[in-house]
């Protein structure tokens, strides 16, 4: 009986699971950091790691929203949001004197380079690999006003990430 209690206590106290549920931690995973080793408490006999796709998607979307809001000096309430596995982003060209297609081309190129595993810069890998591994598509909303600034149009460009085709049942 005593051995059973010791074994039970060892198993219960020796188990540990770290939940990866933020964009920064997901970036560490992408960069090759041994998450299990990094976050396992010293006492864990059986450390583990679990990944929470929806929480990572929310964290990534919040990161993009905050960084884009800073760029436009908070002139709008929201710059990025998600609908399931679809990421929506307002084109920065809507606020700056930039050609909308230039911004769209940059996102498209980053997605294509990531899918081809040709990105070299770690921050680009983190940005685009999170997008291509967590979202099925990026919807870029290019907003334009008429000459009086009264009527706005919203042209949406959809860039697929081919996530389902590439990752199949292994996707989060």
C-alpha atoms as a PDB file:
ATOM      1  CA  UNK A   1       0.000   0.000   0.000  1.00  0.00           C
ATOM      2  CA  UNK A   2       2.809   2.374   0.875  1.00  0.00           C
ATOM      3  CA  UNK A   3       4.468   1.778  -2.512  1.00  0.00           C
ATOM      4  CA  UNK A   4       1.195   2.529  -4.263  1.00  0.00           C
ATOM      5  CA  UNK A   5       0.859   5.849  -2.417  1.00  0.00           C
ATOM      6  CA  UNK A   6       4.473   6.794  -3.225  1.00  0.00           C
ATOM      7  CA  UNK A   7       3.970   5.866  -6.884  1.00  0.00           C
ATOM      8  CA  UNK A   8       0.725   7.839  -7.043  1.00  0.00           C
ATOM      9  CA  UNK A   9       2.299  10.915  -5.431  1.00  0.00           C
ATOM     10  CA  UNK A  10       5.286  10.678  -7.797  1.00  0.00           C
ATOM     11  CA  UNK A  11       3.044  10.488 -10.850  1.00  0.00           C
ATOM     12  CA  UNK A  12       0.736  13.284  -9.724  1.00  0.00           C
ATOM     13  CA  UNK A  13       3.490  15.662  -8.671  1.00  0.00           C
ATOM     14  CA  UNK A  14       5.891  14.619 -11.431  1.00  0.00           C
ATOM     15  CA  UNK A  15       3.558  15.631 -14.264  1.00  0.00           C
ATOM     16  CA  UNK A  16       3.640  19.089 -15.725  1.00  0.00           C
ATOM     17  CA  UNK A  17       2.112  20.568 -18.846  1.00  0.00           C
ATOM     18  CA  UNK A  18       2.977  23.939 -20.306  1.00  0.00           C
ATOM     19  CA  UNK A  19       0.262  25.524 -22.437  1.00  0.00           C
ATOM     20  CA  UNK A  20       1.501  27.441 -25.473  1.00  0.00           C
ATOM     21  CA  UNK A  21      -1.275  29.963 -25.951  1.00  0.00           C
ATOM     22  CA  UNK A  22       0.446  33.214 -26.961  1.00  0.00           C
ATOM     23  CA  UNK A  23       2.002  34.523 -30.140  1.00  0.00           C
ATOM     24  CA  UNK A  24       5.453  35.065 -28.509  1.00  0.00           C
ATOM     25  CA  UNK A  25       5.608  31.492 -27.230  1.00  0.00           C
ATOM     26  CA  UNK A  26       4.437  30.176 -30.606  1.00  0.00           C
ATOM     27  CA  UNK A  27       7.299  32.175 -32.178  1.00  0.00           C
ATOM     28  CA  UNK A  28       9.729  30.440 -29.848  1.00  0.00           C
ATOM     29  CA  UNK A  29       8.361  27.103 -31.048  1.00  0.00           C
ATOM     30  CA  UNK A  30       8.760  28.184 -34.681  1.00  0.00           C
ATOM     31  CA  UNK A  31      12.331  29.337 -33.969  1.00  0.00           C
ATOM     32  CA  UNK A  32      13.222  25.872 -32.696  1.00  0.00           C
ATOM     33  CA  UNK A  33      13.301  26.565 -28.963  1.00  0.00           C
ATOM     34  CA  UNK A  34      12.730  23.383 -26.956  1.00  0.00           C
ATOM     35  CA  UNK A  35       9.560  24.627 -25.253  1.00  0.00           C
ATOM     36  CA  UNK A  36       9.263  21.534 -23.095  1.00  0.00           C
ATOM     37  CA  UNK A  37      12.783  21.960 -21.758  1.00  0.00           C
ATOM     38  CA  UNK A  38      12.476  25.736 -21.326  1.00  0.00           C
ATOM     39  CA  UNK A  39       9.214  25.763 -19.381  1.00  0.00           C
ATOM     40  CA  UNK A  40       9.271  22.464 -17.489  1.00  0.00           C
ATOM     41  CA  UNK A  41       9.651  22.970 -13.732  1.00  0.00           C
ATOM     42  CA  UNK A  42      12.727  21.344 -12.206  1.00  0.00           C
ATOM     43  CA  UNK A  43      10.590  18.797 -10.353  1.00  0.00           C
ATOM     44  CA  UNK A  44       8.675  17.540 -13.392  1.00  0.00           C
ATOM     45  CA  UNK A  45       9.328  13.898 -14.136  1.00  0.00           C
ATOM     46  CA  UNK A  46       6.886  13.886 -17.058  1.00  0.00           C
ATOM     47  CA  UNK A  47       6.869  17.371 -18.619  1.00  0.00           C
ATOM     48  CA  UNK A  48       4.570  18.091 -21.526  1.00  0.00           C
ATOM     49  CA  UNK A  49       3.544  20.863 -23.887  1.00  0.00           C
ATOM     50  CA  UNK A  50       0.140  21.560 -25.384  1.00  0.00           C
ATOM     51  CA  UNK A  51      -0.756  24.058 -28.093  1.00  0.00           C
ATOM     52  CA  UNK A  52      -3.953  26.108 -28.090  1.00  0.00           C
ATOM     53  CA  UNK A  53      -4.655  27.288 -31.626  1.00  0.00           C
ATOM     54  CA  UNK A  54      -7.512  29.692 -30.930  1.00  0.00           C
ATOM     55  CA  UNK A  55      -5.601  31.418 -28.125  1.00  0.00           C
ATOM     56  CA  UNK A  56      -2.512  31.745 -30.344  1.00  0.00           C
ATOM     57  CA  UNK A  57      -4.670  33.153 -33.165  1.00  0.00           C
ATOM     58  CA  UNK A  58      -6.201  35.675 -30.729  1.00  0.00           C
ATOM     59  CA  UNK A  59      -2.774  36.698 -29.434  1.00  0.00           C
ATOM     60  CA  UNK A  60      -1.387  37.116 -32.981  1.00  0.00           C
ATOM     61  CA  UNK A  61      -4.427  39.149 -34.040  1.00  0.00           C
ATOM     62  CA  UNK A  62      -4.063  41.380 -30.967  1.00  0.00           C
ATOM     63  CA  UNK A  63      -0.382  41.893 -31.781  1.00  0.00           C
ATOM     64  CA  UNK A  64      -1.176  42.952 -35.364  1.00  0.00           C
ATOM     65  CA  UNK A  65      -4.062  45.135 -34.231  1.00  0.00           C
ATOM     66  CA  UNK A  66      -1.942  46.995 -31.662  1.00  0.00           C
ATOM     67  CA  UNK A  67       1.046  47.447 -33.961  1.00  0.00           C
ATOM     68  CA  UNK A  68      -1.105  48.716 -36.843  1.00  0.00           C
ATOM     69  CA  UNK A  69      -3.095  51.001 -34.530  1.00  0.00           C
ATOM     70  CA  UNK A  70       0.191  52.556 -33.399  1.00  0.00           C
ATOM     71  CA  UNK A  71       1.170  53.145 -37.035  1.00  0.00           C
ATOM     72  CA  UNK A  72      -2.096  55.006 -37.701  1.00  0.00           C
ATOM     73  CA  UNK A  73      -1.927  56.799 -34.334  1.00  0.00           C
ATOM     74  CA  UNK A  74      -5.152  55.168 -33.097  1.00  0.00           C
ATOM     75  CA  UNK A  75      -7.320  57.042 -35.617  1.00  0.00           C
ATOM     76  CA  UNK A  76      -9.635  54.026 -35.880  1.00  0.00           C
ATOM     77  CA  UNK A  77     -10.941  51.568 -33.300  1.00  0.00           C
ATOM     78  CA  UNK A  78      -9.605  48.407 -34.967  1.00  0.00           C
ATOM     79  CA  UNK A  79      -7.057  47.415 -37.612  1.00  0.00           C
ATOM     80  CA  UNK A  80      -7.066  43.603 -37.325  1.00  0.00           C
ATOM     81  CA  UNK A  81      -9.609  40.979 -36.332  1.00  0.00           C
ATOM     82  CA  UNK A  82     -10.289  37.342 -36.972  1.00  0.00           C
ATOM     83  CA  UNK A  83     -13.303  35.339 -37.963  1.00  0.00           C
ATOM     84  CA  UNK A  84     -12.468  31.746 -37.155  1.00  0.00           C
ATOM     85  CA  UNK A  85      -9.330  30.906 -39.129  1.00  0.00           C
ATOM     86  CA  UNK A  86      -9.633  33.961 -41.368  1.00  0.00           C
ATOM     87  CA  UNK A  87      -7.488  36.967 -40.480  1.00  0.00           C
ATOM     88  CA  UNK A  88      -8.759  40.413 -41.485  1.00  0.00           C
ATOM     89  CA  UNK A  89      -6.445  43.405 -41.730  1.00  0.00           C
ATOM     90  CA  UNK A  90      -7.124  46.971 -42.796  1.00  0.00           C
ATOM     91  CA  UNK A  91      -4.603  48.006 -45.429  1.00  0.00           C
ATOM     92  CA  UNK A  92      -2.235  50.646 -44.056  1.00  0.00           C
ATOM     93  CA  UNK A  93      -2.456  52.359 -47.445  1.00  0.00           C
ATOM     94  CA  UNK A  94      -5.939  53.471 -46.397  1.00  0.00           C
ATOM     95  CA  UNK A  95      -4.226  55.956 -44.051  1.00  0.00           C
ATOM     96  CA  UNK A  96      -1.001  56.770 -45.857  1.00  0.00           C
ATOM     97  CA  UNK A  97      -0.035  57.928 -49.313  1.00  0.00           C
ATOM     98  CA  UNK A  98       0.859  54.427 -50.418  1.00  0.00           C
ATOM     99  CA  UNK A  99      -0.425  52.336 -53.269  1.00  0.00           C
ATOM    100  CA  UNK A 100      -2.782  49.656 -51.836  1.00  0.00           C
ATOM    101  CA  UNK A 101      -1.356  46.993 -54.138  1.00  0.00           C
ATOM    102  CA  UNK A 102       2.136  47.581 -52.753  1.00  0.00           C
ATOM    103  CA  UNK A 103       1.055  46.625 -49.243  1.00  0.00           C
ATOM    104  CA  UNK A 104      -0.931  43.653 -50.555  1.00  0.00           C
ATOM    105  CA  UNK A 105       2.081  42.514 -52.617  1.00  0.00           C
ATOM    106  CA  UNK A 106       4.300  42.588 -49.509  1.00  0.00           C
ATOM    107  CA  UNK A 107       1.911  40.348 -47.576  1.00  0.00           C
ATOM    108  CA  UNK A 108       1.460  38.031 -50.576  1.00  0.00           C
ATOM    109  CA  UNK A 109       5.235  37.751 -51.062  1.00  0.00           C
ATOM    110  CA  UNK A 110       5.816  37.004 -47.354  1.00  0.00           C
ATOM    111  CA  UNK A 111       3.169  34.279 -47.401  1.00  0.00           C
ATOM    112  CA  UNK A 112       4.567  32.741 -50.601  1.00  0.00           C
ATOM    113  CA  UNK A 113       8.149  32.811 -49.285  1.00  0.00           C
ATOM    114  CA  UNK A 114       7.075  31.179 -46.040  1.00  0.00           C
ATOM    115  CA  UNK A 115       5.150  28.430 -47.822  1.00  0.00           C
ATOM    116  CA  UNK A 116       8.292  27.790 -49.915  1.00  0.00           C
ATOM    117  CA  UNK A 117      10.376  27.883 -46.689  1.00  0.00           C
ATOM    118  CA  UNK A 118      12.568  30.675 -48.085  1.00  0.00           C
ATOM    119  CA  UNK A 119      12.300  33.304 -45.350  1.00  0.00           C
ATOM    120  CA  UNK A 120      15.603  34.039 -43.632  1.00  0.00           C
ATOM    121  CA  UNK A 121      14.918  36.857 -41.162  1.00  0.00           C
ATOM    122  CA  UNK A 122      13.672  35.384 -37.844  1.00  0.00           C
ATOM    123  CA  UNK A 123      11.074  38.126 -37.351  1.00  0.00           C
ATOM    124  CA  UNK A 124       9.691  37.515 -40.856  1.00  0.00           C
ATOM    125  CA  UNK A 125       9.601  33.776 -40.167  1.00  0.00           C
ATOM    126  CA  UNK A 126       7.676  34.410 -36.966  1.00  0.00           C
ATOM    127  CA  UNK A 127       5.226  36.841 -38.583  1.00  0.00           C
ATOM    128  CA  UNK A 128       4.475  34.873 -41.735  1.00  0.00           C
ATOM    129  CA  UNK A 129       4.799  31.316 -40.376  1.00  0.00           C
ATOM    130  CA  UNK A 130       2.271  32.123 -37.675  1.00  0.00           C
ATOM    131  CA  UNK A 131      -0.055  33.434 -40.359  1.00  0.00           C
ATOM    132  CA  UNK A 132       0.411  30.416 -42.636  1.00  0.00           C
ATOM    133  CA  UNK A 133       0.200  27.853 -39.842  1.00  0.00           C
ATOM    134  CA  UNK A 134      -2.710  29.357 -37.913  1.00  0.00           C
ATOM    135  CA  UNK A 135      -4.945  30.952 -40.559  1.00  0.00           C
ATOM    136  CA  UNK A 136      -6.572  29.695 -43.748  1.00  0.00           C
ATOM    137  CA  UNK A 137      -6.534  33.126 -45.383  1.00  0.00           C
ATOM    138  CA  UNK A 138      -5.631  36.772 -44.989  1.00  0.00           C
ATOM    139  CA  UNK A 139      -8.297  39.311 -45.962  1.00  0.00           C
ATOM    140  CA  UNK A 140      -6.816  42.748 -46.622  1.00  0.00           C
ATOM    141  CA  UNK A 141      -9.377  45.554 -46.576  1.00  0.00           C
ATOM    142  CA  UNK A 142      -8.330  48.519 -48.723  1.00  0.00           C
ATOM    143  CA  UNK A 143     -10.506  51.460 -47.731  1.00  0.00           C
ATOM    144  CA  UNK A 144     -10.859  54.496 -49.975  1.00  0.00           C
ATOM    145  CA  UNK A 145     -12.902  57.665 -49.569  1.00  0.00           C
ATOM    146  CA  UNK A 146     -14.398  59.871 -52.237  1.00  0.00           C
ATOM    147  CA  UNK A 147     -13.005  63.366 -52.837  1.00  0.00           C
ATOM    148  CA  UNK A 148     -15.098  64.781 -49.976  1.00  0.00           C
ATOM    149  CA  UNK A 149     -14.202  61.993 -47.578  1.00  0.00           C
ATOM    150  CA  UNK A 150     -17.861  61.050 -47.242  1.00  0.00           C
ATOM    151  CA  UNK A 151     -18.347  57.730 -49.014  1.00  0.00           C
ATOM    152  CA  UNK A 152     -15.991  54.908 -48.271  1.00  0.00           C
ATOM    153  CA  UNK A 153     -15.435  51.759 -50.295  1.00  0.00           C
ATOM    154  CA  UNK A 154     -13.947  48.544 -48.988  1.00  0.00           C
ATOM    155  CA  UNK A 155     -12.095  46.450 -51.565  1.00  0.00           C
ATOM    156  CA  UNK A 156     -11.140  43.123 -49.994  1.00  0.00           C
ATOM    157  CA  UNK A 157      -8.210  41.080 -51.277  1.00  0.00           C
ATOM    158  CA  UNK A 158      -8.143  37.472 -50.064  1.00  0.00           C
ATOM    159  CA  UNK A 159      -4.782  35.717 -49.911  1.00  0.00           C
ATOM    160  CA  UNK A 160      -5.085  31.985 -49.152  1.00  0.00           C
ATOM    161  CA  UNK A 161      -2.397  30.335 -47.025  1.00  0.00           C
ATOM    162  CA  UNK A 162      -3.070  26.768 -48.220  1.00  0.00           C
ATOM    163  CA  UNK A 163      -2.921  25.732 -44.561  1.00  0.00           C
ATOM    164  CA  UNK A 164      -5.410  22.887 -44.868  1.00  0.00           C
ATOM    165  CA  UNK A 165      -3.683  21.486 -47.944  1.00  0.00           C
ATOM    166  CA  UNK A 166      -0.203  21.733 -46.415  1.00  0.00           C
ATOM    167  CA  UNK A 167      -0.920  20.719 -42.818  1.00  0.00           C
ATOM    168  CA  UNK A 168      -4.063  18.578 -43.112  1.00  0.00           C
ATOM    169  CA  UNK A 169      -4.986  16.977 -39.814  1.00  0.00           C
ATOM    170  CA  UNK A 170      -1.820  18.341 -38.160  1.00  0.00           C
ATOM    171  CA  UNK A 171      -3.149  21.911 -38.081  1.00  0.00           C
ATOM    172  CA  UNK A 172      -4.229  23.560 -34.849  1.00  0.00           C
END
